[in-house]
Structure formats: structure tokens, C-alpha cells
Amino acid sequence: MAKYRLRAGYADGTTAEVDLAHLAGRGIFKLWDDGQNFQRVSVSEAGAIRWNDEVEICGDAVYLRITGKTIPQPALASGHV
């Protein structure tokens, strides 16, 4: 559904269209049920994609989704020192 798509751009030149339809109508994202609310998107100083003080998505998480990259696991998390 194209109505829940955003174009995201990052400092490294990565840009992509992001489909957020899977979030629409769920929990805090019910805010988007009024289509005008989805259009009120902005970017916070910390880089979050936000609609208001309660509804935002981590910009880094969107970047990882776009690029398919993952966060390296710390050595201790894997049991290695």
C-alpha cells in the first residue's frame, strides 16, 4: 500500500523508499488511521523518523532494513573474550 511509504536518505548517500504499511493500524501506529497524521512526519535532532512525541521509528533501524546490514555482536554476547 503506497500510502505508508517514505523516502529516506542518509549521510552516506544511501536513499530508498521505505514501506511502513506493516505497522499501520497497530498499537501507537493507529495514529496513522487518519491519513493526515502520516503526512506529518519529520526527523528529530537524534535522527528518528517521528510523527509526534510518542510515535517515532529509529532512523538507524530503518537504515539497517534498507541496506540489509546488521549490527556486529559484541564479543561478550557471543561468549568470547
N, C-alpha and C. Protein backbone atom coordinates (compact mmCIF):
# COMPACT_ATOMS: atom_id res chain seq x y z
N MET A 1 0.85 -1.17 0.00
CA MET A 1 0.00 0.00 0.00
C MET A 1 0.89 1.24 0.00
N ALA A 2 0.86 2.03 -1.05
CA ALA A 2 1.76 3.17 -1.24
C ALA A 2 1.53 4.29 -0.24
N LYS A 3 0.38 4.30 0.43
CA LYS A 3 0.12 5.44 1.32
C LYS A 3 0.97 5.44 2.58
N TYR A 4 1.66 4.36 2.88
CA TYR A 4 2.53 4.31 4.06
C TYR A 4 4.00 4.20 3.65
N ARG A 5 4.38 4.89 2.60
CA ARG A 5 5.76 4.85 2.12
C ARG A 5 6.42 6.20 2.34
N LEU A 6 7.71 6.14 2.71
CA LEU A 6 8.53 7.33 2.89
C LEU A 6 9.82 7.17 2.09
N ARG A 7 10.38 8.26 1.69
CA ARG A 7 11.70 8.26 1.07
C ARG A 7 12.70 8.64 2.16
N ALA A 8 13.65 7.78 2.45
CA ALA A 8 14.64 8.02 3.50
C ALA A 8 16.00 8.23 2.86
N GLY A 9 16.74 9.21 3.36
CA GLY A 9 18.08 9.48 2.87
C GLY A 9 19.05 9.61 4.03
N TYR A 10 20.27 9.15 3.82
CA TYR A 10 21.28 9.14 4.88
C TYR A 10 22.56 9.82 4.42
N ALA A 11 23.38 10.22 5.39
CA ALA A 11 24.61 10.98 5.13
C ALA A 11 25.58 10.25 4.21
N ASP A 12 25.55 8.91 4.20
CA ASP A 12 26.48 8.16 3.35
C ASP A 12 26.00 8.04 1.91
N GLY A 13 24.88 8.71 1.59
CA GLY A 13 24.34 8.69 0.24
C GLY A 13 23.27 7.63 0.02
N THR A 14 23.04 6.78 0.98
CA THR A 14 22.00 5.76 0.87
C THR A 14 20.64 6.44 0.86
N THR A 15 19.82 6.11 -0.13
CA THR A 15 18.43 6.57 -0.18
C THR A 15 17.57 5.41 -0.63
N ALA A 16 16.36 5.37 -0.13
CA ALA A 16 15.44 4.32 -0.52
C ALA A 16 14.04 4.68 -0.09
N GLU A 17 13.08 4.08 -0.75
CA GLU A 17 11.69 4.19 -0.33
C GLU A 17 11.42 3.10 0.69
N VAL A 18 10.82 3.46 1.81
CA VAL A 18 10.55 2.53 2.90
C VAL A 18 9.05 2.35 3.03
N ASP A 19 8.60 1.10 3.00
CA ASP A 19 7.18 0.79 3.17
C ASP A 19 6.92 0.46 4.63
N LEU A 20 6.08 1.26 5.28
CA LEU A 20 5.77 1.07 6.69
C LEU A 20 4.35 0.53 6.88
N ALA A 21 3.74 0.01 5.82
CA ALA A 21 2.36 -0.48 5.89
C ALA A 21 2.19 -1.58 6.94
N HIS A 22 3.24 -2.36 7.19
CA HIS A 22 3.14 -3.45 8.17
C HIS A 22 2.92 -2.92 9.60
N LEU A 23 3.18 -1.64 9.83
CA LEU A 23 2.98 -1.04 11.15
C LEU A 23 1.63 -0.36 11.29
N ALA A 24 1.05 0.03 10.16
CA ALA A 24 -0.19 0.82 10.16
C ALA A 24 -1.31 0.10 10.92
N GLY A 25 -1.99 0.87 11.76
CA GLY A 25 -3.14 0.35 12.49
C GLY A 25 -2.79 -0.47 13.71
N ARG A 26 -1.52 -0.61 14.02
CA ARG A 26 -1.08 -1.42 15.16
C ARG A 26 -0.56 -0.53 16.29
N GLY A 27 -1.03 -0.76 17.50
CA GLY A 27 -0.53 -0.05 18.67
C GLY A 27 -0.49 1.45 18.45
N ILE A 28 0.67 2.06 18.74
CA ILE A 28 0.80 3.51 18.62
C ILE A 28 0.65 3.99 17.17
N PHE A 29 0.81 3.09 16.21
CA PHE A 29 0.71 3.47 14.80
C PHE A 29 -0.74 3.58 14.33
N LYS A 30 -1.71 3.38 15.24
CA LYS A 30 -3.11 3.66 14.92
C LYS A 30 -3.29 5.14 14.60
N LEU A 31 -2.34 5.94 15.05
CA LEU A 31 -2.34 7.37 14.74
C LEU A 31 -2.48 7.59 13.24
N TRP A 32 -1.90 6.69 12.46
CA TRP A 32 -1.92 6.83 11.00
C TRP A 32 -3.27 6.51 10.38
N ASP A 33 -4.22 5.98 11.17
CA ASP A 33 -5.55 5.68 10.63
C ASP A 33 -6.16 6.93 10.00
N ASP A 34 -5.83 8.08 10.54
CA ASP A 34 -6.18 9.35 9.91
C ASP A 34 -5.00 9.68 8.99
N GLY A 35 -5.20 9.54 7.71
CA GLY A 35 -4.12 9.72 6.73
C GLY A 35 -3.36 11.03 6.86
N GLN A 36 -4.02 12.07 7.37
CA GLN A 36 -3.35 13.35 7.57
C GLN A 36 -2.21 13.22 8.57
N ASN A 37 -2.37 12.36 9.56
CA ASN A 37 -1.34 12.19 10.57
C ASN A 37 -0.06 11.58 10.00
N PHE A 38 -0.18 10.64 9.06
CA PHE A 38 1.02 10.04 8.46
C PHE A 38 1.82 11.11 7.72
N GLN A 39 1.14 12.05 7.13
CA GLN A 39 1.80 13.11 6.35
C GLN A 39 2.57 14.09 7.23
N ARG A 40 2.37 14.06 8.54
CA ARG A 40 3.02 15.00 9.46
C ARG A 40 4.38 14.49 9.94
N VAL A 41 5.03 13.71 9.15
CA VAL A 41 6.32 13.11 9.50
C VAL A 41 7.43 14.17 9.51
N SER A 42 8.40 13.96 10.40
CA SER A 42 9.57 14.83 10.46
C SER A 42 10.75 13.98 10.95
N VAL A 43 11.92 14.59 11.01
CA VAL A 43 13.11 13.91 11.51
C VAL A 43 13.57 14.66 12.76
N SER A 44 13.76 13.93 13.85
CA SER A 44 14.21 14.55 15.10
C SER A 44 15.69 14.90 15.03
N GLU A 45 16.16 15.67 16.00
CA GLU A 45 17.58 16.02 16.06
C GLU A 45 18.45 14.77 16.20
N ALA A 46 17.92 13.72 16.82
CA ALA A 46 18.66 12.47 17.01
C ALA A 46 18.57 11.55 15.80
N GLY A 47 17.82 11.95 14.76
CA GLY A 47 17.72 11.14 13.55
C GLY A 47 16.55 10.18 13.52
N ALA A 48 15.64 10.29 14.49
CA ALA A 48 14.46 9.43 14.48
C ALA A 48 13.44 9.96 13.48
N ILE A 49 12.72 9.06 12.86
CA ILE A 49 11.61 9.43 11.99
C ILE A 49 10.40 9.53 12.92
N ARG A 50 9.79 10.72 13.00
CA ARG A 50 8.79 10.92 14.04
C ARG A 50 7.52 11.60 13.52
N TRP A 51 6.46 11.32 14.23
CA TRP A 51 5.17 11.93 13.94
C TRP A 51 4.72 12.82 15.09
N ASN A 52 5.08 12.46 16.30
CA ASN A 52 4.81 13.29 17.48
C ASN A 52 5.71 12.78 18.61
N ASP A 53 5.48 13.25 19.83
CA ASP A 53 6.34 12.87 20.95
C ASP A 53 6.25 11.39 21.31
N GLU A 54 5.17 10.73 20.94
CA GLU A 54 5.00 9.31 21.28
C GLU A 54 5.27 8.35 20.12
N VAL A 55 5.20 8.84 18.90
CA VAL A 55 5.28 7.96 17.74
C VAL A 55 6.52 8.30 16.91
N GLU A 56 7.50 7.39 16.97
CA GLU A 56 8.70 7.56 16.17
C GLU A 56 9.33 6.20 15.89
N ILE A 57 10.17 6.19 14.88
CA ILE A 57 10.89 4.98 14.48
C ILE A 57 12.38 5.33 14.44
N CYS A 58 13.20 4.46 14.95
CA CYS A 58 14.64 4.68 14.96
C CYS A 58 15.18 4.77 13.53
N GLY A 59 15.83 5.88 13.23
CA GLY A 59 16.41 6.06 11.90
C GLY A 59 17.46 5.02 11.58
N ASP A 60 18.23 4.59 12.59
CA ASP A 60 19.24 3.56 12.38
C ASP A 60 18.61 2.23 12.01
N ALA A 61 17.49 1.91 12.64
CA ALA A 61 16.80 0.66 12.33
C ALA A 61 16.30 0.67 10.89
N VAL A 62 15.81 1.79 10.43
CA VAL A 62 15.37 1.91 9.04
C VAL A 62 16.56 1.76 8.10
N TYR A 63 17.69 2.36 8.45
CA TYR A 63 18.90 2.24 7.65
C TYR A 63 19.31 0.77 7.51
N LEU A 64 19.30 0.05 8.62
CA LEU A 64 19.67 -1.37 8.58
C LEU A 64 18.71 -2.16 7.69
N ARG A 65 17.44 -1.83 7.76
CA ARG A 65 16.45 -2.52 6.92
C ARG A 65 16.68 -2.23 5.44
N ILE A 66 16.98 -0.98 5.13
CA ILE A 66 17.21 -0.58 3.74
C ILE A 66 18.44 -1.28 3.18
N THR A 67 19.52 -1.28 3.95
CA THR A 67 20.81 -1.78 3.45
C THR A 67 20.99 -3.28 3.63
N GLY A 68 20.21 -3.88 4.52
CA GLY A 68 20.39 -5.30 4.81
C GLY A 68 21.57 -5.57 5.73
N LYS A 69 22.15 -4.50 6.25
CA LYS A 69 23.28 -4.65 7.16
C LYS A 69 22.78 -5.06 8.54
N THR A 70 23.69 -5.57 9.35
CA THR A 70 23.36 -5.94 10.72
C THR A 70 24.35 -5.27 11.66
N ILE A 71 23.99 -5.21 12.90
CA ILE A 71 24.87 -4.66 13.92
C ILE A 71 25.80 -5.77 14.38
N PRO A 72 27.11 -5.54 14.34
CA PRO A 72 28.02 -6.60 14.83
C PRO A 72 27.75 -6.91 16.30
N GLN A 73 27.77 -8.15 16.64
CA GLN A 73 27.54 -8.57 18.01
C GLN A 73 28.81 -8.34 18.84
N PRO A 74 28.68 -7.76 20.02
CA PRO A 74 29.86 -7.60 20.88
C PRO A 74 30.46 -8.96 21.24
N ALA A 75 31.76 -8.99 21.48
CA ALA A 75 32.45 -10.24 21.79
C ALA A 75 31.82 -10.95 22.98
N LEU A 76 31.44 -10.21 24.02
CA LEU A 76 30.88 -10.83 25.20
C LEU A 76 29.52 -11.48 24.92
N ALA A 77 28.76 -10.94 23.99
CA ALA A 77 27.45 -11.50 23.68
C ALA A 77 27.58 -12.89 23.06
N SER A 78 28.70 -13.14 22.39
CA SER A 78 28.89 -14.45 21.77
C SER A 78 29.64 -15.42 22.68
N GLY A 79 29.97 -14.96 23.88
CA GLY A 79 30.68 -15.82 24.83
C GLY A 79 32.18 -15.80 24.67
N HIS A 80 32.70 -14.95 23.81
CA HIS A 80 34.15 -14.85 23.59
C HIS A 80 34.68 -13.62 24.32
N VAL A 81 35.89 -13.74 24.82
CA VAL A 81 36.52 -12.61 25.49
C VAL A 81 37.78 -12.24 24.75
